[in-house]
N, C-alpha and C. Protein backbone atom coordinates (compact mmCIF):
# COMPACT_ATOMS: atom_id res chain seq x y z
N MET A 1 136.42 94.20 99.92
CA MET A 1 135.04 93.74 100.40
C MET A 1 134.00 95.00 100.13
N CYS A 2 133.01 94.37 99.63
CA CYS A 2 132.26 95.79 99.65
C CYS A 2 131.68 96.84 100.46
N SER A 3 131.79 98.16 100.45
CA SER A 3 131.53 98.74 101.65
C SER A 3 129.51 98.94 101.36
N LEU A 4 129.32 99.63 102.55
CA LEU A 4 127.99 99.56 103.09
C LEU A 4 127.34 100.54 101.96
N GLY A 5 127.98 101.64 101.91
CA GLY A 5 127.55 102.62 100.87
C GLY A 5 127.35 102.13 99.23
N THR A 6 128.34 101.39 98.59
CA THR A 6 128.56 100.50 97.52
C THR A 6 126.80 99.22 97.65
N VAL A 7 126.86 98.42 98.53
CA VAL A 7 125.60 97.75 98.59
C VAL A 7 124.12 98.35 98.40
N VAL A 8 124.37 99.88 99.24
CA VAL A 8 122.97 100.46 99.22
C VAL A 8 122.82 101.15 97.82
N THR A 9 123.67 101.66 97.00
CA THR A 9 123.75 101.84 95.73
C THR A 9 123.27 100.68 94.67
N VAL A 10 123.50 99.67 94.99
CA VAL A 10 123.04 98.55 94.11
C VAL A 10 122.03 98.06 94.71
N LEU A 11 121.30 98.25 95.57
CA LEU A 11 120.00 98.03 95.86
C LEU A 11 119.43 99.63 95.33
N LEU A 12 119.44 100.05 95.09
CA LEU A 12 118.77 101.81 95.01
C LEU A 12 118.48 101.22 93.36
N ILE A 13 119.45 101.12 92.90
CA ILE A 13 119.30 101.27 91.54
C ILE A 13 118.76 99.79 90.87
N ILE A 14 118.74 98.52 91.71
CA ILE A 14 117.66 97.57 91.43
C ILE A 14 116.14 98.08 91.77
N SER A 15 115.65 98.59 92.79
CA SER A 15 114.93 98.92 93.11
C SER A 15 114.07 100.33 92.14
N CYS A 16 114.96 100.81 91.75
CA CYS A 16 114.31 102.03 90.44
C CYS A 16 114.28 101.34 89.20
N ILE A 17 114.92 100.16 88.56
CA ILE A 17 114.67 99.46 87.30
C ILE A 17 113.39 98.80 87.74
N ALA A 18 113.15 98.39 88.76
CA ALA A 18 112.19 96.92 89.00
C ALA A 18 110.74 98.24 89.04
N MET A 19 110.84 99.51 89.86
CA MET A 19 109.97 100.45 89.87
C MET A 19 109.36 100.98 87.94
N ILE A 20 110.43 101.13 87.23
CA ILE A 20 110.13 101.62 86.21
C ILE A 20 109.49 100.20 85.49
N ILE A 21 110.30 98.92 85.65
CA ILE A 21 109.09 97.96 84.72
C ILE A 21 107.48 97.75 85.82
N LEU A 22 107.29 98.00 86.64
CA LEU A 22 106.19 97.66 87.37
C LEU A 22 105.00 99.03 86.78
N VAL A 23 105.81 99.97 86.61
CA VAL A 23 104.86 101.21 86.19
C VAL A 23 104.47 100.79 84.83
N LEU A 24 105.61 100.49 83.78
CA LEU A 24 105.30 100.24 82.40
C LEU A 24 104.37 99.01 82.19
N LEU A 25 104.23 98.23 83.29
CA LEU A 25 103.52 96.98 82.97
C LEU A 25 101.69 97.25 83.50
N GLN A 26 101.54 98.62 84.02
CA GLN A 26 100.18 98.43 84.31
C GLN A 26 99.42 99.35 83.18
N ASN A 27 98.19 98.98 83.37
CA ASN A 27 97.59 99.47 82.09
C ASN A 27 96.94 100.73 82.68
N SER A 28 97.10 102.26 81.78
CA SER A 28 96.42 103.15 81.97
C SER A 28 95.09 103.37 82.31
N LYS A 29 95.36 104.58 82.98
CA LYS A 29 93.48 104.41 83.47
C LYS A 29 92.80 105.60 82.70
N SER A 30 93.46 106.58 82.04
CA SER A 30 92.65 107.45 81.65
C SER A 30 93.34 108.19 79.94
N GLN A 31 92.67 108.81 79.23
CA GLN A 31 93.15 108.81 77.80
C GLN A 31 93.49 110.46 77.52
N GLY A 32 94.73 110.69 77.75
CA GLY A 32 95.24 112.08 77.61
C GLY A 32 94.89 112.91 78.43
N LEU A 33 94.93 114.24 78.13
CA LEU A 33 95.12 115.46 79.09
C LEU A 33 93.45 115.70 79.48
N SER A 34 92.73 115.20 78.61
CA SER A 34 91.35 115.30 79.23
C SER A 34 90.65 114.43 80.45
N GLY A 35 91.28 113.07 79.87
CA GLY A 35 91.03 112.36 80.94
C GLY A 35 91.63 112.40 82.28
N ALA A 36 92.92 113.09 82.47
CA ALA A 36 93.38 113.49 83.69
C ALA A 36 92.54 114.53 84.34
N ILE A 37 92.12 115.59 83.59
CA ILE A 37 91.24 116.42 84.38
C ILE A 37 89.83 115.84 84.85
N SER A 38 89.03 115.16 83.88
CA SER A 38 87.75 114.49 84.64
C SER A 38 87.68 113.51 85.20
N GLY A 39 88.90 112.32 84.55
CA GLY A 39 89.00 110.80 85.32
C GLY A 39 89.85 111.58 86.59
N GLY A 40 90.26 112.46 87.30
CA GLY A 40 90.80 112.46 88.54
C GLY A 40 90.04 111.97 89.26
N ALA A 41 88.65 112.98 89.47
CA ALA A 41 87.67 112.85 90.62
C ALA A 41 87.04 111.47 90.39
N GLU A 42 86.78 110.46 89.20
CA GLU A 42 86.58 109.52 89.26
C GLU A 42 87.34 108.51 89.97
N GLN A 43 88.54 108.75 89.82
CA GLN A 43 89.53 107.99 89.95
C GLN A 43 89.44 107.88 91.82
N LEU A 44 89.32 109.16 92.30
CA LEU A 44 89.57 109.72 93.58
C LEU A 44 88.00 109.19 94.60
N PHE A 45 87.14 109.53 94.03
CA PHE A 45 85.88 109.56 94.98
C PHE A 45 85.23 108.15 94.17
N GLY A 46 85.81 107.09 93.36
CA GLY A 46 84.80 106.11 92.53
C GLY A 46 85.31 104.99 93.65
N LYS A 47 83.98 104.12 93.48
CA LYS A 47 84.64 102.94 94.45
C LYS A 47 84.97 101.73 93.52
N GLN A 48 85.70 101.95 92.36
CA GLN A 48 86.01 100.97 91.51
C GLN A 48 87.53 100.80 92.25
N LYS A 49 87.36 99.14 92.50
CA LYS A 49 88.62 98.33 93.15
C LYS A 49 89.32 97.89 91.99
N ALA A 50 90.75 97.79 91.88
CA ALA A 50 91.38 97.26 90.86
C ALA A 50 91.66 95.83 91.21
N ARG A 51 91.38 94.86 90.74
CA ARG A 51 91.57 93.39 91.13
C ARG A 51 92.32 92.41 90.11
N GLY A 52 92.72 91.33 90.63
CA GLY A 52 93.60 90.59 90.01
C GLY A 52 94.96 91.03 89.53
N LEU A 53 95.36 91.10 88.59
CA LEU A 53 96.70 91.41 87.99
C LEU A 53 97.49 93.19 88.81
N ASP A 54 96.14 93.55 88.18
CA ASP A 54 96.10 95.03 88.38
C ASP A 54 96.72 95.32 89.80
N ALA A 55 95.65 94.85 90.88
CA ALA A 55 95.71 95.09 92.27
C ALA A 55 97.41 94.97 92.47
N VAL A 56 97.62 93.89 92.26
CA VAL A 56 99.18 93.28 92.46
C VAL A 56 100.21 93.94 92.02
N LEU A 57 100.17 94.48 91.07
CA LEU A 57 101.19 95.41 90.34
C LEU A 57 101.11 96.71 91.08
N HIS A 58 99.79 97.31 91.15
CA HIS A 58 99.59 98.51 92.37
C HIS A 58 100.43 98.05 93.44
N ARG A 59 100.44 97.19 94.13
CA ARG A 59 100.86 96.94 95.71
C ARG A 59 102.34 96.75 95.38
N MET A 60 102.97 96.21 94.68
CA MET A 60 103.96 95.91 93.81
C MET A 60 104.51 97.22 94.25
N THR A 61 104.68 98.05 93.11
CA THR A 61 104.74 99.48 93.01
C THR A 61 104.84 100.48 94.28
N VAL A 62 103.97 100.16 94.96
CA VAL A 62 103.50 101.16 96.37
C VAL A 62 105.10 100.18 97.17
N VAL A 63 105.41 99.15 97.15
CA VAL A 63 106.26 98.48 97.91
C VAL A 63 107.43 98.97 97.34
N CYS A 64 107.89 98.98 95.74
CA CYS A 64 108.99 99.38 95.70
C CYS A 64 109.40 100.81 95.62
N ALA A 65 108.25 101.50 95.53
CA ALA A 65 108.42 102.96 95.74
C ALA A 65 109.22 102.95 97.10
N VAL A 66 108.33 102.81 98.40
CA VAL A 66 109.01 102.70 99.42
C VAL A 66 110.54 102.30 99.91
N ALA A 67 110.35 101.35 98.83
CA ALA A 67 111.78 100.61 99.16
C ALA A 67 112.60 101.64 98.28
N PHE A 68 112.78 102.04 97.35
CA PHE A 68 113.58 103.44 96.49
C PHE A 68 113.49 104.60 97.64
N PHE A 69 112.78 104.95 98.17
CA PHE A 69 112.84 106.12 98.69
C PHE A 69 113.88 105.89 100.04
N VAL A 70 113.89 104.74 100.60
CA VAL A 70 114.25 104.68 101.96
C VAL A 70 115.83 104.29 101.29
N PHE A 71 116.19 103.63 100.15
CA PHE A 71 117.39 103.24 100.03
C PHE A 71 118.22 105.20 99.21
N ALA A 72 117.50 105.51 99.04
CA ALA A 72 117.43 106.60 98.61
C ALA A 72 118.02 108.18 99.80
N LEU A 73 117.39 107.83 100.47
CA LEU A 73 117.39 108.40 102.06
C LEU A 73 118.51 107.81 103.07
N LEU A 74 118.96 106.85 102.92
CA LEU A 74 120.02 105.94 103.30
C LEU A 74 121.15 106.31 102.69
N LYS A 75 121.13 106.40 101.33
CA LYS A 75 122.33 106.72 100.34
C LYS A 75 122.91 108.17 100.49
N ALA A 76 121.99 108.84 100.73
CA ALA A 76 122.27 110.18 101.14
C ALA A 76 122.67 110.59 102.36
N TYR A 77 122.45 109.73 103.29
CA TYR A 77 122.80 109.88 104.89
C TYR A 77 124.28 108.95 104.66
N LEU A 78 124.86 108.52 103.98
CA LEU A 78 125.87 107.66 104.24
C LEU A 78 127.04 108.64 103.26
N GLY A 79 126.44 109.26 102.69
CA GLY A 79 127.07 110.05 101.93
C GLY A 79 128.22 109.64 100.37
């Protein structure tokens, strides 16, 4: 019979792989280092909202990241 620690470890690995896939599927928002410096303010203060597939991928990434942190904390607690 599987222990709770094994189940949490499997869920942690699944959420990790899903998060990697979701991040790789998303479009890049900037071009290199110059885009990271100048484009950060645009992305933070701009009123552009993601639509369609980008919005769905963004929401799924956030959900997957939260699940990853919950499973990681649970795994650390179970030790």
